[in-house]
Amino acid sequence: TDRLLGTGGVGRIIFLTENDDIRSNLGCVNGSSIPITIDIAVYNAAGTLLETRRMNLPPWSNKQINQILGAFAPIDGYVDVSSATPGAAFTCYGSVLDNETSDPTTIPPQ
């Protein structure tokens, strides 16, 4: 649990890309026994905020948003994740996949 983010903590998922060759997904895992809400801020590589989203996670669950940057392609960017839920304990990760082979690379939070 020492690697989980708590209430108010921010994780950054870097090196996300969306283009004809590569796609990026965002996955989050709730490491607690309570439902939590994850706030997601999507940025381009220059640091401009593109959109905010929310992900609701039941206790001990995980969800993934496929092609998190898809609406902005072609683009390089990153995502910040946080939760204001009291007692939150979570982690998120990026996965960058080759569109031809679907070979993935996992990007842990910074």
PDB file of N, CA and C in Angstrom:
ATOM      1  N   THR A   1       0.805  -1.212   0.000  1.00  0.00           N
ATOM      2  CA  THR A   1       0.000   0.000   0.000  1.00  0.00           C
ATOM      3  C   THR A   1       0.844   1.270   0.000  1.00  0.00           C
ATOM      4  N   ASP A   2       2.167   1.159   0.232  1.00  0.00           N
ATOM      5  CA  ASP A   2       3.012   2.351   0.247  1.00  0.00           C
ATOM      6  C   ASP A   2       3.181   2.963  -1.138  1.00  0.00           C
ATOM      7  N   ARG A   3       2.797   2.254  -2.173  1.00  0.00           N
ATOM      8  CA  ARG A   3       2.896   2.781  -3.538  1.00  0.00           C
ATOM      9  C   ARG A   3       1.571   3.361  -4.034  1.00  0.00           C
ATOM     10  N   LEU A   4       0.543   3.293  -3.232  1.00  0.00           N
ATOM     11  CA  LEU A   4      -0.759   3.826  -3.627  1.00  0.00           C
ATOM     12  C   LEU A   4      -0.833   5.318  -3.335  1.00  0.00           C
ATOM     13  N   LEU A   5      -1.565   6.028  -4.166  1.00  0.00           N
ATOM     14  CA  LEU A   5      -1.836   7.438  -3.923  1.00  0.00           C
ATOM     15  C   LEU A   5      -3.010   7.541  -2.956  1.00  0.00           C
ATOM     16  N   GLY A   6      -2.967   8.545  -2.109  1.00  0.00           N
ATOM     17  CA  GLY A   6      -4.061   8.772  -1.177  1.00  0.00           C
ATOM     18  C   GLY A   6      -4.833  10.026  -1.545  1.00  0.00           C
ATOM     19  N   THR A   7      -5.775  10.375  -0.703  1.00  0.00           N
ATOM     20  CA  THR A   7      -6.584  11.574  -0.898  1.00  0.00           C
ATOM     21  C   THR A   7      -5.676  12.789  -1.083  1.00  0.00           C
ATOM     22  N   GLY A   8      -5.889  13.518  -2.167  1.00  0.00           N
ATOM     23  CA  GLY A   8      -5.112  14.721  -2.443  1.00  0.00           C
ATOM     24  C   GLY A   8      -3.785  14.485  -3.143  1.00  0.00           C
ATOM     25  N   GLY A   9      -3.329  13.229  -3.208  1.00  0.00           N
ATOM     26  CA  GLY A   9      -2.096  12.927  -3.927  1.00  0.00           C
ATOM     27  C   GLY A   9      -2.306  13.005  -5.428  1.00  0.00           C
ATOM     28  N   VAL A  10      -1.254  13.335  -6.153  1.00  0.00           N
ATOM     29  CA  VAL A  10      -1.347  13.444  -7.613  1.00  0.00           C
ATOM     30  C   VAL A  10      -0.315  12.522  -8.249  1.00  0.00           C
ATOM     31  N   GLY A  11      -0.760  11.730  -9.214  1.00  0.00           N
ATOM     32  CA  GLY A  11       0.129  10.905 -10.020  1.00  0.00           C
ATOM     33  C   GLY A  11       0.136  11.419 -11.444  1.00  0.00           C
ATOM     34  N   ARG A  12       1.275  11.397 -12.090  1.00  0.00           N
ATOM     35  CA  ARG A  12       1.385  11.850 -13.482  1.00  0.00           C
ATOM     36  C   ARG A  12       1.794  10.666 -14.345  1.00  0.00           C
ATOM     37  N   ILE A  13       1.023  10.441 -15.404  1.00  0.00           N
ATOM     38  CA  ILE A  13       1.314   9.394 -16.380  1.00  0.00           C
ATOM     39  C   ILE A  13       1.857  10.110 -17.623  1.00  0.00           C
ATOM     40  N   ILE A  14       3.148   9.910 -17.895  1.00  0.00           N
ATOM     41  CA  ILE A  14       3.804  10.636 -18.981  1.00  0.00           C
ATOM     42  C   ILE A  14       3.983   9.736 -20.204  1.00  0.00           C
ATOM     43  N   PHE A  15       4.489  10.296 -21.266  1.00  0.00           N
ATOM     44  CA  PHE A  15       4.833   9.586 -22.512  1.00  0.00           C
ATOM     45  C   PHE A  15       3.620   8.961 -23.196  1.00  0.00           C
ATOM     46  N   LEU A  16       2.457   9.591 -23.098  1.00  0.00           N
ATOM     47  CA  LEU A  16       1.281   9.084 -23.809  1.00  0.00           C
ATOM     48  C   LEU A  16       1.260   9.668 -25.214  1.00  0.00           C
ATOM     49  N   THR A  17       0.834   8.853 -26.173  1.00  0.00           N
ATOM     50  CA  THR A  17       0.817   9.244 -27.584  1.00  0.00           C
ATOM     51  C   THR A  17      -0.423   8.683 -28.256  1.00  0.00           C
ATOM     52  N   GLU A  18      -0.960   9.430 -29.177  1.00  0.00           N
ATOM     53  CA  GLU A  18      -2.076   8.943 -29.992  1.00  0.00           C
ATOM     54  C   GLU A  18      -1.827   9.404 -31.420  1.00  0.00           C
ATOM     55  N   ASN A  19      -1.652   8.423 -32.328  1.00  0.00           N
ATOM     56  CA  ASN A  19      -1.509   8.731 -33.749  1.00  0.00           C
ATOM     57  C   ASN A  19      -1.858   7.476 -34.548  1.00  0.00           C
ATOM     58  N   ASP A  20      -1.551   7.474 -35.833  1.00  0.00           N
ATOM     59  CA  ASP A  20      -1.902   6.319 -36.667  1.00  0.00           C
ATOM     60  C   ASP A  20      -1.159   5.050 -36.254  1.00  0.00           C
ATOM     61  N   ASP A  21      -0.012   5.192 -35.596  1.00  0.00           N
ATOM     62  CA  ASP A  21       0.818   4.040 -35.247  1.00  0.00           C
ATOM     63  C   ASP A  21       0.684   3.584 -33.794  1.00  0.00           C
ATOM     64  N   ILE A  22       0.312   4.501 -32.904  1.00  0.00           N
ATOM     65  CA  ILE A  22       0.333   4.220 -31.467  1.00  0.00           C
ATOM     66  C   ILE A  22      -0.944   4.744 -30.810  1.00  0.00           C
ATOM     67  N   ARG A  23      -1.418   3.987 -29.812  1.00  0.00           N
ATOM     68  CA  ARG A  23      -2.552   4.442 -29.005  1.00  0.00           C
ATOM     69  C   ARG A  23      -2.192   4.308 -27.528  1.00  0.00           C
ATOM     70  N   SER A  24      -2.857   5.098 -26.692  1.00  0.00           N
ATOM     71  CA  SER A  24      -2.572   5.102 -25.260  1.00  0.00           C
ATOM     72  C   SER A  24      -3.850   4.923 -24.455  1.00  0.00           C
ATOM     73  N   ASN A  25      -3.764   4.085 -23.426  1.00  0.00           N
ATOM     74  CA  ASN A  25      -4.883   3.835 -22.526  1.00  0.00           C
ATOM     75  C   ASN A  25      -4.497   4.278 -21.124  1.00  0.00           C
ATOM     76  N   LEU A  26      -5.504   4.539 -20.299  1.00  0.00           N
ATOM     77  CA  LEU A  26      -5.295   4.858 -18.892  1.00  0.00           C
ATOM     78  C   LEU A  26      -6.085   3.866 -18.058  1.00  0.00           C
ATOM     79  N   GLY A  27      -5.405   3.197 -17.141  1.00  0.00           N
ATOM     80  CA  GLY A  27      -6.071   2.276 -16.228  1.00  0.00           C
ATOM     81  C   GLY A  27      -5.883   2.742 -14.800  1.00  0.00           C
ATOM     82  N   CYS A  28      -6.901   2.520 -13.958  1.00  0.00           N
ATOM     83  CA  CYS A  28      -6.816   2.875 -12.542  1.00  0.00           C
ATOM     84  C   CYS A  28      -7.344   1.727 -11.701  1.00  0.00           C
ATOM     85  N   VAL A  29      -6.752   1.572 -10.521  1.00  0.00           N
ATOM     86  CA  VAL A  29      -7.089   0.495  -9.599  1.00  0.00           C
ATOM     87  C   VAL A  29      -7.405   1.101  -8.235  1.00  0.00           C
ATOM     88  N   ASN A  30      -8.556   0.728  -7.675  1.00  0.00           N
ATOM     89  CA  ASN A  30      -8.934   1.152  -6.326  1.00  0.00           C
ATOM     90  C   ASN A  30      -8.375   0.129  -5.339  1.00  0.00           C
ATOM     91  N   GLY A  31      -7.466   0.556  -4.483  1.00  0.00           N
ATOM     92  CA  GLY A  31      -6.865  -0.333  -3.499  1.00  0.00           C
ATOM     93  C   GLY A  31      -7.504  -0.211  -2.132  1.00  0.00           C
ATOM     94  N   SER A  32      -8.784   0.180  -2.104  1.00  0.00           N
ATOM     95  CA  SER A  32      -9.454   0.360  -0.816  1.00  0.00           C
ATOM     96  C   SER A  32     -10.826  -0.310  -0.806  1.00  0.00           C
ATOM     97  N   SER A  33     -11.395  -0.368   0.373  1.00  0.00           N
ATOM     98  CA  SER A  33     -12.696  -1.016   0.565  1.00  0.00           C
ATOM     99  C   SER A  33     -13.866  -0.055   0.420  1.00  0.00           C
ATOM    100  N   ILE A  34     -13.592   1.164  -0.063  1.00  0.00           N
ATOM    101  CA  ILE A  34     -14.651   2.158  -0.265  1.00  0.00           C
ATOM    102  C   ILE A  34     -14.698   2.574  -1.734  1.00  0.00           C
ATOM    103  N   PRO A  35     -15.849   3.008  -2.223  1.00  0.00           N
ATOM    104  CA  PRO A  35     -15.883   3.550  -3.583  1.00  0.00           C
ATOM    105  C   PRO A  35     -15.149   4.896  -3.634  1.00  0.00           C
ATOM    106  N   ILE A  36     -14.429   5.131  -4.720  1.00  0.00           N
ATOM    107  CA  ILE A  36     -13.704   6.390  -4.869  1.00  0.00           C
ATOM    108  C   ILE A  36     -13.957   6.987  -6.252  1.00  0.00           C
ATOM    109  N   THR A  37     -13.691   8.268  -6.353  1.00  0.00           N
ATOM    110  CA  THR A  37     -13.750   8.975  -7.634  1.00  0.00           C
ATOM    111  C   THR A  37     -12.348   9.475  -7.947  1.00  0.00           C
ATOM    112  N   ILE A  38     -11.895   9.171  -9.154  1.00  0.00           N
ATOM    113  CA  ILE A  38     -10.587   9.631  -9.626  1.00  0.00           C
ATOM    114  C   ILE A  38     -10.821  10.812 -10.573  1.00  0.00           C
ATOM    115  N   ASP A  39     -10.135  11.896 -10.319  1.00  0.00           N
ATOM    116  CA  ASP A  39     -10.164  13.062 -11.202  1.00  0.00           C
ATOM    117  C   ASP A  39      -9.004  12.940 -12.180  1.00  0.00           C
ATOM    118  N   ILE A  40      -9.306  13.096 -13.456  1.00  0.00           N
ATOM    119  CA  ILE A  40      -8.332  12.909 -14.531  1.00  0.00           C
ATOM    120  C   ILE A  40      -8.207  14.220 -15.300  1.00  0.00           C
ATOM    121  N   ALA A  41      -6.988  14.733 -15.394  1.00  0.00           N
ATOM    122  CA  ALA A  41      -6.716  15.938 -16.181  1.00  0.00           C
ATOM    123  C   ALA A  41      -5.802  15.541 -17.330  1.00  0.00           C
ATOM    124  N   VAL A  42      -6.247  15.807 -18.555  1.00  0.00           N
ATOM    125  CA  VAL A  42      -5.520  15.425 -19.762  1.00  0.00           C
ATOM    126  C   VAL A  42      -4.825  16.663 -20.337  1.00  0.00           C
ATOM    127  N   TYR A  43      -3.517  16.540 -20.597  1.00  0.00           N
ATOM    128  CA  TYR A  43      -2.706  17.649 -21.092  1.00  0.00           C
ATOM    129  C   TYR A  43      -1.991  17.262 -22.388  1.00  0.00           C
ATOM    130  N   ASN A  44      -1.702  18.259 -23.224  1.00  0.00           N
ATOM    131  CA  ASN A  44      -0.808  18.003 -24.346  1.00  0.00           C
ATOM    132  C   ASN A  44       0.633  18.118 -23.839  1.00  0.00           C
ATOM    133  N   ALA A  45       1.599  17.803 -24.671  1.00  0.00           N
ATOM    134  CA  ALA A  45       3.003  17.778 -24.249  1.00  0.00           C
ATOM    135  C   ALA A  45       3.500  19.147 -23.794  1.00  0.00           C
ATOM    136  N   ALA A  46       2.877  20.224 -24.255  1.00  0.00           N
ATOM    137  CA  ALA A  46       3.279  21.570 -23.856  1.00  0.00           C
ATOM    138  C   ALA A  46       2.686  21.974 -22.512  1.00  0.00           C
ATOM    139  N   GLY A  47       1.805  21.136 -21.947  1.00  0.00           N
ATOM    140  CA  GLY A  47       1.219  21.437 -20.647  1.00  0.00           C
ATOM    141  C   GLY A  47      -0.117  22.142 -20.682  1.00  0.00           C
ATOM    142  N   THR A  48      -0.726  22.224 -21.863  1.00  0.00           N
ATOM    143  CA  THR A  48      -2.040  22.840 -21.976  1.00  0.00           C
ATOM    144  C   THR A  48      -3.117  21.838 -21.588  1.00  0.00           C
ATOM    145  N   LEU A  49      -3.984  22.217 -20.662  1.00  0.00           N
ATOM    146  CA  LEU A  49      -5.084  21.350 -20.245  1.00  0.00           C
ATOM    147  C   LEU A  49      -6.068  21.186 -21.400  1.00  0.00           C
ATOM    148  N   LEU A  50      -6.344  19.942 -21.780  1.00  0.00           N
ATOM    149  CA  LEU A  50      -7.244  19.650 -22.893  1.00  0.00           C
ATOM    150  C   LEU A  50      -8.646  19.283 -22.413  1.00  0.00           C
ATOM    151  N   GLU A  51      -8.730  18.523 -21.320  1.00  0.00           N
ATOM    152  CA  GLU A  51     -10.030  18.144 -20.777  1.00  0.00           C
ATOM    153  C   GLU A  51      -9.845  17.558 -19.380  1.00  0.00           C
ATOM    154  N   THR A  52     -10.940  17.516 -18.641  1.00  0.00           N
ATOM    155  CA  THR A  52     -10.974  16.812 -17.368  1.00  0.00           C
ATOM    156  C   THR A  52     -12.070  15.754 -17.446  1.00  0.00           C
ATOM    157  N   ARG A  53     -11.818  14.660 -16.751  1.00  0.00           N
ATOM    158  CA  ARG A  53     -12.772  13.547 -16.730  1.00  0.00           C
ATOM    159  C   ARG A  53     -12.808  13.001 -15.310  1.00  0.00           C
ATOM    160  N   ARG A  54     -13.795  12.158 -15.057  1.00  0.00           N
ATOM    161  CA  ARG A  54     -13.886  11.474 -13.765  1.00  0.00           C
ATOM    162  C   ARG A  54     -14.093   9.987 -14.003  1.00  0.00           C
ATOM    163  N   MET A  55     -13.538   9.202 -13.091  1.00  0.00           N
ATOM    164  CA  MET A  55     -13.717   7.753 -13.125  1.00  0.00           C
ATOM    165  C   MET A  55     -14.181   7.325 -11.742  1.00  0.00           C
ATOM    166  N   ASN A  56     -15.328   6.664 -11.669  1.00  0.00           N
ATOM    167  CA  ASN A  56     -15.825   6.126 -10.407  1.00  0.00           C
ATOM    168  C   ASN A  56     -15.413   4.671 -10.305  1.00  0.00           C
ATOM    169  N   LEU A  57     -14.792   4.329  -9.184  1.00  0.00           N
ATOM    170  CA  LEU A  57     -14.290   2.974  -8.972  1.00  0.00           C
ATOM    171  C   LEU A  57     -14.930   2.367  -7.724  1.00  0.00           C
ATOM    172  N   PRO A  58     -15.636   1.246  -7.872  1.00  0.00           N
ATOM    173  CA  PRO A  58     -16.119   0.530  -6.694  1.00  0.00           C
ATOM    174  C   PRO A  58     -14.938  -0.003  -5.881  1.00  0.00           C
ATOM    175  N   PRO A  59     -15.178  -0.461  -4.652  1.00  0.00           N
ATOM    176  CA  PRO A  59     -14.101  -1.020  -3.843  1.00  0.00           C
ATOM    177  C   PRO A  59     -13.352  -2.130  -4.581  1.00  0.00           C
ATOM    178  N   TRP A  60     -12.018  -2.131  -4.440  1.00  0.00           N
ATOM    179  CA  TRP A  60     -11.130  -3.177  -4.959  1.00  0.00           C
ATOM    180  C   TRP A  60     -11.297  -3.431  -6.460  1.00  0.00           C
ATOM    181  N   SER A  61     -11.642  -2.422  -7.225  1.00  0.00           N
ATOM    182  CA  SER A  61     -11.916  -2.625  -8.656  1.00  0.00           C
ATOM    183  C   SER A  61     -10.896  -1.901  -9.523  1.00  0.00           C
ATOM    184  N   ASN A  62     -10.969  -2.167 -10.809  1.00  0.00           N
ATOM    185  CA  ASN A  62     -10.150  -1.445 -11.777  1.00  0.00           C
ATOM    186  C   ASN A  62     -10.974  -1.151 -13.026  1.00  0.00           C
ATOM    187  N   LYS A  63     -10.603  -0.075 -13.698  1.00  0.00           N
ATOM    188  CA  LYS A  63     -11.229   0.312 -14.966  1.00  0.00           C
ATOM    189  C   LYS A  63     -10.154   0.867 -15.879  1.00  0.00           C
ATOM    190  N   GLN A  64     -10.454   0.853 -17.168  1.00  0.00           N
ATOM    191  CA  GLN A  64      -9.527   1.394 -18.154  1.00  0.00           C
ATOM    192  C   GLN A  64     -10.282   2.279 -19.130  1.00  0.00           C
ATOM    193  N   ILE A  65      -9.672   3.389 -19.501  1.00  0.00           N
ATOM    194  CA  ILE A  65     -10.185   4.250 -20.571  1.00  0.00           C
ATOM    195  C   ILE A  65      -9.280   4.020 -21.764  1.00  0.00           C
ATOM    196  N   ASN A  66      -9.823   3.452 -22.820  1.00  0.00           N
ATOM    197  CA  ASN A  66      -9.055   3.212 -24.033  1.00  0.00           C
ATOM    198  C   ASN A  66      -8.895   4.509 -24.811  1.00  0.00           C
ATOM    199  N   GLN A  67      -7.747   4.669 -25.411  1.00  0.00           N
ATOM    200  CA  GLN A  67      -7.425   5.824 -26.254  1.00  0.00           C
ATOM    201  C   GLN A  67      -7.753   7.138 -25.550  1.00  0.00           C
ATOM    202  N   ILE A  68      -7.150   7.328 -24.383  1.00  0.00           N
ATOM    203  CA  ILE A  68      -7.404   8.507 -23.554  1.00  0.00           C
ATOM    204  C   ILE A  68      -7.144   9.810 -24.307  1.00  0.00           C
ATOM    205  N   LEU A  69      -6.256   9.804 -25.298  1.00  0.00           N
ATOM    206  CA  LEU A  69      -5.962  11.002 -26.089  1.00  0.00           C
ATOM    207  C   LEU A  69      -6.625  10.973 -27.469  1.00  0.00           C
ATOM    208  N   GLY A  70      -7.465   9.988 -27.722  1.00  0.00           N
ATOM    209  CA  GLY A  70      -8.031   9.761 -29.053  1.00  0.00           C
ATOM    210  C   GLY A  70      -8.720  10.959 -29.680  1.00  0.00           C
ATOM    211  N   ALA A  71      -9.428  11.744 -28.883  1.00  0.00           N
ATOM    212  CA  ALA A  71     -10.166  12.899 -29.421  1.00  0.00           C
ATOM    213  C   ALA A  71      -9.237  14.005 -29.902  1.00  0.00           C
ATOM    214  N   PHE A  72      -7.956  13.926 -29.537  1.00  0.00           N
ATOM    215  CA  PHE A  72      -7.012  14.993 -29.859  1.00  0.00           C
ATOM    216  C   PHE A  72      -5.918  14.564 -30.834  1.00  0.00           C
ATOM    217  N   ALA A  73      -5.993  13.351 -31.361  1.00  0.00           N
ATOM    218  CA  ALA A  73      -4.946  12.781 -32.215  1.00  0.00           C
ATOM    219  C   ALA A  73      -4.780  13.580 -33.500  1.00  0.00           C
ATOM    220  N   PRO A  74      -3.549  13.623 -34.004  1.00  0.00           N
ATOM    221  CA  PRO A  74      -2.314  13.085 -33.444  1.00  0.00           C
ATOM    222  C   PRO A  74      -1.782  14.007 -32.343  1.00  0.00           C
ATOM    223  N   ILE A  75      -1.271  13.400 -31.266  1.00  0.00           N
ATOM    224  CA  ILE A  75      -0.850  14.183 -30.105  1.00  0.00           C
ATOM    225  C   ILE A  75       0.081  13.373 -29.211  1.00  0.00           C
ATOM    226  N   ASP A  76       0.960  14.075 -28.522  1.00  0.00           N
ATOM    227  CA  ASP A  76       1.729  13.540 -27.408  1.00  0.00           C
ATOM    228  C   ASP A  76       1.228  14.285 -26.175  1.00  0.00           C
ATOM    229  N   GLY A  77       1.140  13.594 -25.052  1.00  0.00           N
ATOM    230  CA  GLY A  77       0.643  14.268 -23.865  1.00  0.00           C
ATOM    231  C   GLY A  77       0.867  13.475 -22.593  1.00  0.00           C
ATOM    232  N   TYR A  78       0.180  13.908 -21.555  1.00  0.00           N
ATOM    233  CA  TYR A  78       0.260  13.239 -20.261  1.00  0.00           C
ATOM    234  C   TYR A  78      -1.049  13.441 -19.517  1.00  0.00           C
ATOM    235  N   VAL A  79      -1.192  12.706 -18.428  1.00  0.00           N
ATOM    236  CA  VAL A  79      -2.416  12.737 -17.634  1.00  0.00           C
ATOM    237  C   VAL A  79      -2.030  12.863 -16.166  1.00  0.00           C
ATOM    238  N   ASP A  80      -2.711  13.738 -15.437  1.00  0.00           N
ATOM    239  CA  ASP A  80      -2.589  13.800 -13.984  1.00  0.00           C
ATOM    240  C   ASP A  80      -3.832  13.165 -13.373  1.00  0.00           C
ATOM    241  N   VAL A  81      -3.635  12.342 -12.354  1.00  0.00           N
ATOM    242  CA  VAL A  81      -4.747  11.676 -11.669  1.00  0.00           C
ATOM    243  C   VAL A  81      -4.689  12.011 -10.186  1.00  0.00           C
ATOM    244  N   SER A  82      -5.858  12.182  -9.586  1.00  0.00           N
ATOM    245  CA  SER A  82      -5.951  12.477  -8.159  1.00  0.00           C
ATOM    246  C   SER A  82      -7.334  12.062  -7.674  1.00  0.00           C
ATOM    247  N   SER A  83      -7.522  12.089  -6.361  1.00  0.00           N
ATOM    248  CA  SER A  83      -8.828  11.807  -5.787  1.00  0.00           C
ATOM    249  C   SER A  83      -9.038  12.665  -4.555  1.00  0.00           C
ATOM    250  N   ALA A  84     -10.217  13.255  -4.465  1.00  0.00           N
ATOM    251  CA  ALA A  84     -10.604  14.026  -3.277  1.00  0.00           C
ATOM    252  C   ALA A  84     -11.422  13.170  -2.311  1.00  0.00           C
ATOM    253  N   THR A  85     -11.660  11.904  -2.667  1.00  0.00           N
ATOM    254  CA  THR A  85     -12.450  11.020  -1.810  1.00  0.00           C
ATOM    255  C   THR A  85     -11.703  10.767  -0.499  1.00  0.00           C
ATOM    256  N   PRO A  86     -12.298  11.065   0.659  1.00  0.00           N
ATOM    257  CA  PRO A  86     -11.639  10.759   1.931  1.00  0.00           C
ATOM    258  C   PRO A  86     -11.348   9.258   2.042  1.00  0.00           C
ATOM    259  N   GLY A  87     -10.123   8.917   2.406  1.00  0.00           N
ATOM    260  CA  GLY A  87      -9.737   7.522   2.554  1.00  0.00           C
ATOM    261  C   GLY A  87      -9.346   6.830   1.261  1.00  0.00           C
ATOM    262  N   ALA A  88      -9.196   7.587   0.170  1.00  0.00           N
ATOM    263  CA  ALA A  88      -8.833   6.992  -1.123  1.00  0.00           C
ATOM    264  C   ALA A  88      -7.460   6.337  -1.051  1.00  0.00           C
ATOM    265  N   ALA A  89      -7.309   5.237  -1.768  1.00  0.00           N
ATOM    266  CA  ALA A  89      -6.025   4.545  -1.944  1.00  0.00           C
ATOM    267  C   ALA A  89      -6.080   3.913  -3.328  1.00  0.00           C
ATOM    268  N   PHE A  90      -5.285   4.435  -4.267  1.00  0.00           N
ATOM    269  CA  PHE A  90      -5.403   4.005  -5.658  1.00  0.00           C
ATOM    270  C   PHE A  90      -4.086   4.158  -6.390  1.00  0.00           C
ATOM    271  N   THR A  91      -4.040   3.567  -7.557  1.00  0.00           N
ATOM    272  CA  THR A  91      -2.945   3.808  -8.489  1.00  0.00           C
ATOM    273  C   THR A  91      -3.525   3.827  -9.899  1.00  0.00           C
ATOM    274  N   CYS A  92      -2.820   4.487 -10.777  1.00  0.00           N
ATOM    275  CA  CYS A  92      -3.192   4.507 -12.196  1.00  0.00           C
ATOM    276  C   CYS A  92      -1.928   4.253 -13.011  1.00  0.00           C
ATOM    277  N   TYR A  93      -2.115   3.834 -14.236  1.00  0.00           N
ATOM    278  CA  TYR A  93      -0.987   3.521 -15.115  1.00  0.00           C
ATOM    279  C   TYR A  93      -1.397   3.831 -16.542  1.00  0.00           C
ATOM    280  N   GLY A  94      -0.420   4.048 -17.374  1.00  0.00           N
ATOM    281  CA  GLY A  94      -0.665   4.194 -18.798  1.00  0.00           C
ATOM    282  C   GLY A  94      -0.223   2.936 -19.514  1.00  0.00           C
ATOM    283  N   SER A  95      -0.852   2.645 -20.618  1.00  0.00           N
ATOM    284  CA  SER A  95      -0.367   1.594 -21.511  1.00  0.00           C
ATOM    285  C   SER A  95      -0.341   2.177 -22.911  1.00  0.00           C
ATOM    286  N   VAL A  96       0.815   2.068 -23.549  1.00  0.00           N
ATOM    287  CA  VAL A  96       1.021   2.579 -24.899  1.00  0.00           C
ATOM    288  C   VAL A  96       1.179   1.374 -25.804  1.00  0.00           C
ATOM    289  N   LEU A  97       0.320   1.290 -26.824  1.00  0.00           N
ATOM    290  CA  LEU A  97       0.274   0.102 -27.669  1.00  0.00           C
ATOM    291  C   LEU A  97       0.564   0.426 -29.124  1.00  0.00           C
ATOM    292  N   ASP A  98       1.297  -0.473 -29.763  1.00  0.00           N
ATOM    293  CA  ASP A  98       1.532  -0.414 -31.192  1.00  0.00           C
ATOM    294  C   ASP A  98       0.220  -0.806 -31.879  1.00  0.00           C
ATOM    295  N   ASN A  99      -0.285   0.026 -32.780  1.00  0.00           N
ATOM    296  CA  ASN A  99      -1.573  -0.258 -33.421  1.00  0.00           C
ATOM    297  C   ASN A  99      -1.538  -1.471 -34.340  1.00  0.00           C
ATOM    298  N   GLU A 100      -0.371  -1.822 -34.858  1.00  0.00           N
ATOM    299  CA  GLU A 100      -0.287  -2.971 -35.760  1.00  0.00           C
ATOM    300  C   GLU A 100      -0.211  -4.289 -34.997  1.00  0.00           C
ATOM    301  N   THR A 101       0.616  -4.331 -33.970  1.00  0.00           N
ATOM    302  CA  THR A 101       0.837  -5.591 -33.247  1.00  0.00           C
ATOM    303  C   THR A 101       0.109  -5.669 -31.909  1.00  0.00           C
ATOM    304  N   SER A 102      -0.346  -4.531 -31.393  1.00  0.00           N
ATOM    305  CA  SER A 102      -0.932  -4.398 -30.044  1.00  0.00           C
ATOM    306  C   SER A 102       0.069  -4.706 -28.935  1.00  0.00           C
ATOM    307  N   ASP A 103       1.372  -4.691 -29.253  1.00  0.00           N
ATOM    308  CA  ASP A 103       2.385  -4.858 -28.218  1.00  0.00           C
ATOM    309  C   ASP A 103       2.316  -3.656 -27.277  1.00  0.00           C
ATOM    310  N   PRO A 104       2.175  -3.915 -25.954  1.00  0.00           N
ATOM    311  CA  PRO A 104       2.025  -2.809 -25.005  1.00  0.00           C
ATOM    312  C   PRO A 104       3.328  -2.464 -24.277  1.00  0.00           C
ATOM    313  N   THR A 105       3.398  -1.238 -23.823  1.00  0.00           N
ATOM    314  CA  THR A 105       4.401  -0.786 -22.872  1.00  0.00           C
ATOM    315  C   THR A 105       3.640  -0.147 -21.729  1.00  0.00           C
ATOM    316  N   THR A 106       3.933  -0.565 -20.492  1.00  0.00           N
ATOM    317  CA  THR A 106       3.254   0.000 -19.327  1.00  0.00           C
ATOM    318  C   THR A 106       4.036   1.213 -18.826  1.00  0.00           C
ATOM    319  N   ILE A 107       3.302   2.272 -18.503  1.00  0.00           N
ATOM    320  CA  ILE A 107       3.892   3.496 -17.979  1.00  0.00           C
ATOM    321  C   ILE A 107       3.391   3.681 -16.539  1.00  0.00           C
ATOM    322  N   PRO A 108       4.264   3.493 -15.538  1.00  0.00           N
ATOM    323  CA  PRO A 108       3.831   3.690 -14.156  1.00  0.00           C
ATOM    324  C   PRO A 108       3.685   5.180 -13.833  1.00  0.00           C
ATOM    325  N   PRO A 109       2.955   5.516 -12.774  1.00  0.00           N
ATOM    326  CA  PRO A 109       2.808   6.928 -12.405  1.00  0.00           C
ATOM    327  C   PRO A 109       4.115   7.508 -11.874  1.00  0.00           C
ATOM    328  N   GLN A 110       4.293   8.787 -12.090  1.00  0.00           N
ATOM    329  CA  GLN A 110       5.469   9.529 -11.581  1.00  0.00           C
ATOM    330  C   GLN A 110       5.080  10.293 -10.338  1.00  0.00           C
TER     331      GLN A 110
END
